[in-house]
């Protein structure tokens, strides 16, 4: 993936084969809130030059460290606003259900149209508007010819989307 921005804290790349921009938050803590805001302003300018409307945005937060610093949520909301504006589709990738709940709260508070996923394949399929193949095996027939779901069928993954 060609790099748009690479830092110890965030990496932004375009996909060489699809209209996709990937923003990846690394595990390295930001040195300060001011630096976090500066980095996101820099990323926003780079994304503006790239032409946001031509791409979907995947925000990968799976490695992001927890932060309970006073003022972090305000700075993070500002960073989120400058990052996601102008993209026709945005998905956030998180590691845990707790992460999903937290991101959904931020999305609700910010009024963004962003989908949240724990599965990268599903997130990319959503962004590229591809159908995700079912993970469920086909139904079996019982002795009377009726279809019954296999006992080993995987649960359909749930996608939480906020508007």
C-alpha atoms as a PDB file:
ATOM      1  CA  UNK A   1       0.000   0.000   0.000  1.00  0.00           C
ATOM      2  CA  UNK A   2       1.433   3.394  -0.924  1.00  0.00           C
ATOM      3  CA  UNK A   3       2.021   5.542   2.162  1.00  0.00           C
ATOM      4  CA  UNK A   4       0.254   8.850   2.645  1.00  0.00           C
ATOM      5  CA  UNK A   5       1.634   9.380   6.166  1.00  0.00           C
ATOM      6  CA  UNK A   6       3.825   7.195   8.378  1.00  0.00           C
ATOM      7  CA  UNK A   7       4.604   8.148  11.977  1.00  0.00           C
ATOM      8  CA  UNK A   8       5.217   6.213  15.186  1.00  0.00           C
ATOM      9  CA  UNK A   9       1.548   6.926  16.143  1.00  0.00           C
ATOM     10  CA  UNK A  10      -0.481   6.743  12.931  1.00  0.00           C
ATOM     11  CA  UNK A  11      -0.006   5.304   9.471  1.00  0.00           C
ATOM     12  CA  UNK A  12      -2.175   6.207   6.495  1.00  0.00           C
ATOM     13  CA  UNK A  13      -1.921   4.212   3.275  1.00  0.00           C
ATOM     14  CA  UNK A  14      -3.915   3.851   0.087  1.00  0.00           C
ATOM     15  CA  UNK A  15      -4.699   0.413  -1.255  1.00  0.00           C
ATOM     16  CA  UNK A  16      -2.993  -0.279  -4.576  1.00  0.00           C
ATOM     17  CA  UNK A  17      -5.914  -2.409  -5.808  1.00  0.00           C
ATOM     18  CA  UNK A  18      -9.057  -0.789  -4.406  1.00  0.00           C
ATOM     19  CA  UNK A  19     -10.405   2.706  -3.665  1.00  0.00           C
ATOM     20  CA  UNK A  20      -9.543   2.346   0.006  1.00  0.00           C
ATOM     21  CA  UNK A  21      -7.585   4.435   2.503  1.00  0.00           C
ATOM     22  CA  UNK A  22      -6.414   2.665   5.643  1.00  0.00           C
ATOM     23  CA  UNK A  23      -5.710   4.710   8.765  1.00  0.00           C
ATOM     24  CA  UNK A  24      -3.926   2.580  11.363  1.00  0.00           C
ATOM     25  CA  UNK A  25      -3.452   3.700  14.951  1.00  0.00           C
ATOM     26  CA  UNK A  26      -0.297   2.122  16.351  1.00  0.00           C
ATOM     27  CA  UNK A  27       0.243   0.990  19.940  1.00  0.00           C
ATOM     28  CA  UNK A  28       2.599   3.913  20.632  1.00  0.00           C
ATOM     29  CA  UNK A  29       1.009   6.475  23.021  1.00  0.00           C
ATOM     30  CA  UNK A  30       0.797  10.034  21.691  1.00  0.00           C
ATOM     31  CA  UNK A  31       3.460  12.254  23.295  1.00  0.00           C
ATOM     32  CA  UNK A  32       0.805  14.918  23.996  1.00  0.00           C
ATOM     33  CA  UNK A  33      -2.712  15.946  23.048  1.00  0.00           C
ATOM     34  CA  UNK A  34      -1.278  18.861  21.110  1.00  0.00           C
ATOM     35  CA  UNK A  35       0.864  16.471  19.052  1.00  0.00           C
ATOM     36  CA  UNK A  36      -2.147  14.216  18.443  1.00  0.00           C
ATOM     37  CA  UNK A  37      -4.117  17.177  17.104  1.00  0.00           C
ATOM     38  CA  UNK A  38      -1.176  18.313  14.962  1.00  0.00           C
ATOM     39  CA  UNK A  39      -0.791  14.819  13.473  1.00  0.00           C
ATOM     40  CA  UNK A  40      -4.473  14.636  12.586  1.00  0.00           C
ATOM     41  CA  UNK A  41      -4.391  18.098  11.013  1.00  0.00           C
ATOM     42  CA  UNK A  42      -1.438  16.911   8.901  1.00  0.00           C
ATOM     43  CA  UNK A  43      -3.306  13.712   7.979  1.00  0.00           C
ATOM     44  CA  UNK A  44      -6.413  15.739   7.096  1.00  0.00           C
ATOM     45  CA  UNK A  45      -4.433  17.953   4.705  1.00  0.00           C
ATOM     46  CA  UNK A  46      -2.914  14.862   3.056  1.00  0.00           C
ATOM     47  CA  UNK A  47      -6.350  13.247   2.716  1.00  0.00           C
ATOM     48  CA  UNK A  48      -7.759  16.447   1.214  1.00  0.00           C
ATOM     49  CA  UNK A  49      -4.978  16.403  -1.425  1.00  0.00           C
ATOM     50  CA  UNK A  50      -5.694  12.731  -2.101  1.00  0.00           C
ATOM     51  CA  UNK A  51      -9.390  13.388  -2.760  1.00  0.00           C
ATOM     52  CA  UNK A  52     -11.462  11.829   0.004  1.00  0.00           C
ATOM     53  CA  UNK A  53     -14.606  11.488  -2.106  1.00  0.00           C
ATOM     54  CA  UNK A  54     -12.801   8.927  -4.309  1.00  0.00           C
ATOM     55  CA  UNK A  55     -12.080   6.532  -1.426  1.00  0.00           C
ATOM     56  CA  UNK A  56     -13.628   4.631   1.452  1.00  0.00           C
ATOM     57  CA  UNK A  57     -11.861   4.930   4.820  1.00  0.00           C
ATOM     58  CA  UNK A  58     -10.936   2.032   7.092  1.00  0.00           C
ATOM     59  CA  UNK A  59      -9.872   3.181  10.571  1.00  0.00           C
ATOM     60  CA  UNK A  60      -7.987   0.370  12.292  1.00  0.00           C
ATOM     61  CA  UNK A  61      -7.979   0.987  16.052  1.00  0.00           C
ATOM     62  CA  UNK A  62      -7.111  -2.561  17.135  1.00  0.00           C
ATOM     63  CA  UNK A  63      -3.667  -1.589  18.466  1.00  0.00           C
ATOM     64  CA  UNK A  64      -4.683   1.753  19.963  1.00  0.00           C
ATOM     65  CA  UNK A  65      -3.693   2.133  23.618  1.00  0.00           C
ATOM     66  CA  UNK A  66      -6.218   3.165  26.235  1.00  0.00           C
ATOM     67  CA  UNK A  67      -6.043   6.824  27.207  1.00  0.00           C
ATOM     68  CA  UNK A  68      -7.684   8.391  30.247  1.00  0.00           C
ATOM     69  CA  UNK A  69      -5.781  11.684  30.093  1.00  0.00           C
ATOM     70  CA  UNK A  70      -7.981  14.700  30.882  1.00  0.00           C
ATOM     71  CA  UNK A  71      -9.040  16.351  27.646  1.00  0.00           C
ATOM     72  CA  UNK A  72      -8.334  13.276  25.523  1.00  0.00           C
ATOM     73  CA  UNK A  73     -11.963  12.695  24.501  1.00  0.00           C
ATOM     74  CA  UNK A  74     -12.302  16.305  23.310  1.00  0.00           C
ATOM     75  CA  UNK A  75      -9.078  16.060  21.296  1.00  0.00           C
ATOM     76  CA  UNK A  76     -10.055  12.631  19.964  1.00  0.00           C
ATOM     77  CA  UNK A  77     -13.467  13.965  18.840  1.00  0.00           C
ATOM     78  CA  UNK A  78     -11.762  16.802  16.984  1.00  0.00           C
ATOM     79  CA  UNK A  79      -9.290  14.366  15.396  1.00  0.00           C
ATOM     80  CA  UNK A  80     -12.147  12.055  14.383  1.00  0.00           C
ATOM     81  CA  UNK A  81     -14.046  14.942  12.782  1.00  0.00           C
ATOM     82  CA  UNK A  82     -11.113  16.069  10.620  1.00  0.00           C
ATOM     83  CA  UNK A  83     -10.251  12.484   9.726  1.00  0.00           C
ATOM     84  CA  UNK A  84     -13.639  11.149   8.539  1.00  0.00           C
ATOM     85  CA  UNK A  85     -15.161  14.199   6.846  1.00  0.00           C
ATOM     86  CA  UNK A  86     -15.768  13.835   3.132  1.00  0.00           C
ATOM     87  CA  UNK A  87     -15.431  10.060   2.838  1.00  0.00           C
ATOM     88  CA  UNK A  88     -18.515   8.384   1.328  1.00  0.00           C
ATOM     89  CA  UNK A  89     -18.043   5.315   3.564  1.00  0.00           C
ATOM     90  CA  UNK A  90     -16.158   4.895   6.827  1.00  0.00           C
ATOM     91  CA  UNK A  91     -15.635   1.779   8.918  1.00  0.00           C
ATOM     92  CA  UNK A  92     -13.813   1.430  12.223  1.00  0.00           C
ATOM     93  CA  UNK A  93     -12.079  -1.809  13.080  1.00  0.00           C
ATOM     94  CA  UNK A  94     -11.787  -2.651  16.797  1.00  0.00           C
ATOM     95  CA  UNK A  95     -10.368  -5.603  18.713  1.00  0.00           C
ATOM     96  CA  UNK A  96     -13.032  -6.131  21.391  1.00  0.00           C
ATOM     97  CA  UNK A  97     -16.731  -5.782  22.080  1.00  0.00           C
ATOM     98  CA  UNK A  98     -15.868  -3.154  24.705  1.00  0.00           C
ATOM     99  CA  UNK A  99     -13.979  -1.234  22.014  1.00  0.00           C
ATOM    100  CA  UNK A 100     -17.030  -1.479  19.792  1.00  0.00           C
ATOM    101  CA  UNK A 101     -19.253  -0.053  22.527  1.00  0.00           C
ATOM    102  CA  UNK A 102     -16.855   2.816  23.138  1.00  0.00           C
ATOM    103  CA  UNK A 103     -16.506   3.697  19.443  1.00  0.00           C
ATOM    104  CA  UNK A 104     -20.271   3.502  18.952  1.00  0.00           C
ATOM    105  CA  UNK A 105     -20.719   5.972  21.816  1.00  0.00           C
ATOM    106  CA  UNK A 106     -18.263   8.362  20.150  1.00  0.00           C
ATOM    107  CA  UNK A 107     -20.022   7.957  16.797  1.00  0.00           C
ATOM    108  CA  UNK A 108     -23.392   8.686  18.383  1.00  0.00           C
ATOM    109  CA  UNK A 109     -22.054  11.776  20.151  1.00  0.00           C
ATOM    110  CA  UNK A 110     -20.349  13.018  16.977  1.00  0.00           C
ATOM    111  CA  UNK A 111     -23.300  12.349  14.671  1.00  0.00           C
ATOM    112  CA  UNK A 112     -21.194  10.409  12.157  1.00  0.00           C
ATOM    113  CA  UNK A 113     -22.361   7.689   9.756  1.00  0.00           C
ATOM    114  CA  UNK A 114     -19.731   5.066  10.550  1.00  0.00           C
ATOM    115  CA  UNK A 115     -19.910   1.282  10.765  1.00  0.00           C
ATOM    116  CA  UNK A 116     -17.984  -0.586  13.476  1.00  0.00           C
ATOM    117  CA  UNK A 117     -16.520  -4.057  12.957  1.00  0.00           C
ATOM    118  CA  UNK A 118     -14.370  -6.599  14.742  1.00  0.00           C
ATOM    119  CA  UNK A 119     -13.756  -8.524  11.522  1.00  0.00           C
ATOM    120  CA  UNK A 120     -11.464  -6.940   8.912  1.00  0.00           C
ATOM    121  CA  UNK A 121     -12.870  -8.905   5.962  1.00  0.00           C
ATOM    122  CA  UNK A 122     -16.390  -7.744   6.772  1.00  0.00           C
ATOM    123  CA  UNK A 123     -15.238  -4.144   7.235  1.00  0.00           C
ATOM    124  CA  UNK A 124     -13.513  -4.080   3.870  1.00  0.00           C
ATOM    125  CA  UNK A 125     -16.448  -5.800   2.170  1.00  0.00           C
ATOM    126  CA  UNK A 126     -18.764  -3.160   3.647  1.00  0.00           C
ATOM    127  CA  UNK A 127     -16.485  -0.357   2.466  1.00  0.00           C
ATOM    128  CA  UNK A 128     -16.150  -1.757  -1.026  1.00  0.00           C
ATOM    129  CA  UNK A 129     -19.838  -2.750  -1.131  1.00  0.00           C
ATOM    130  CA  UNK A 130     -19.065  -6.387  -1.749  1.00  0.00           C
ATOM    131  CA  UNK A 131     -21.283  -9.128  -0.456  1.00  0.00           C
ATOM    132  CA  UNK A 132     -19.755 -11.053   2.418  1.00  0.00           C
ATOM    133  CA  UNK A 133     -20.090 -14.787   1.796  1.00  0.00           C
ATOM    134  CA  UNK A 134     -21.985 -16.583   4.497  1.00  0.00           C
ATOM    135  CA  UNK A 135     -19.860 -18.337   7.079  1.00  0.00           C
ATOM    136  CA  UNK A 136     -22.740 -20.714   7.745  1.00  0.00           C
ATOM    137  CA  UNK A 137     -22.616 -24.172   6.119  1.00  0.00           C
ATOM    138  CA  UNK A 138     -25.579 -25.025   3.899  1.00  0.00           C
ATOM    139  CA  UNK A 139     -28.604 -26.560   5.646  1.00  0.00           C
ATOM    140  CA  UNK A 140     -28.936 -30.358   5.827  1.00  0.00           C
ATOM    141  CA  UNK A 141     -32.085 -32.336   5.210  1.00  0.00           C
ATOM    142  CA  UNK A 142     -33.509 -34.504   7.972  1.00  0.00           C
ATOM    143  CA  UNK A 143     -35.168 -37.880   7.386  1.00  0.00           C
ATOM    144  CA  UNK A 144     -38.459 -36.263   6.410  1.00  0.00           C
ATOM    145  CA  UNK A 145     -36.751 -34.078   3.822  1.00  0.00           C
ATOM    146  CA  UNK A 146     -37.058 -30.866   5.851  1.00  0.00           C
ATOM    147  CA  UNK A 147     -34.047 -28.607   6.019  1.00  0.00           C
ATOM    148  CA  UNK A 148     -32.424 -28.296   9.410  1.00  0.00           C
ATOM    149  CA  UNK A 149     -29.542 -26.018  10.263  1.00  0.00           C
ATOM    150  CA  UNK A 150     -26.321 -27.824  11.090  1.00  0.00           C
ATOM    151  CA  UNK A 151     -25.488 -27.892  14.769  1.00  0.00           C
ATOM    152  CA  UNK A 152     -22.016 -26.588  14.015  1.00  0.00           C
ATOM    153  CA  UNK A 153     -23.331 -23.526  12.179  1.00  0.00           C
ATOM    154  CA  UNK A 154     -21.490 -20.370  13.047  1.00  0.00           C
ATOM    155  CA  UNK A 155     -23.452 -17.445  14.346  1.00  0.00           C
ATOM    156  CA  UNK A 156     -23.889 -14.650  11.843  1.00  0.00           C
ATOM    157  CA  UNK A 157     -21.502 -11.883  12.873  1.00  0.00           C
ATOM    158  CA  UNK A 158     -23.295  -8.758  13.932  1.00  0.00           C
ATOM    159  CA  UNK A 159     -22.367  -5.411  12.503  1.00  0.00           C
ATOM    160  CA  UNK A 160     -23.232  -2.360  14.523  1.00  0.00           C
ATOM    161  CA  UNK A 161     -23.869   0.737  12.486  1.00  0.00           C
ATOM    162  CA  UNK A 162     -24.777   4.150  13.765  1.00  0.00           C
ATOM    163  CA  UNK A 163     -26.229   7.026  11.840  1.00  0.00           C
END
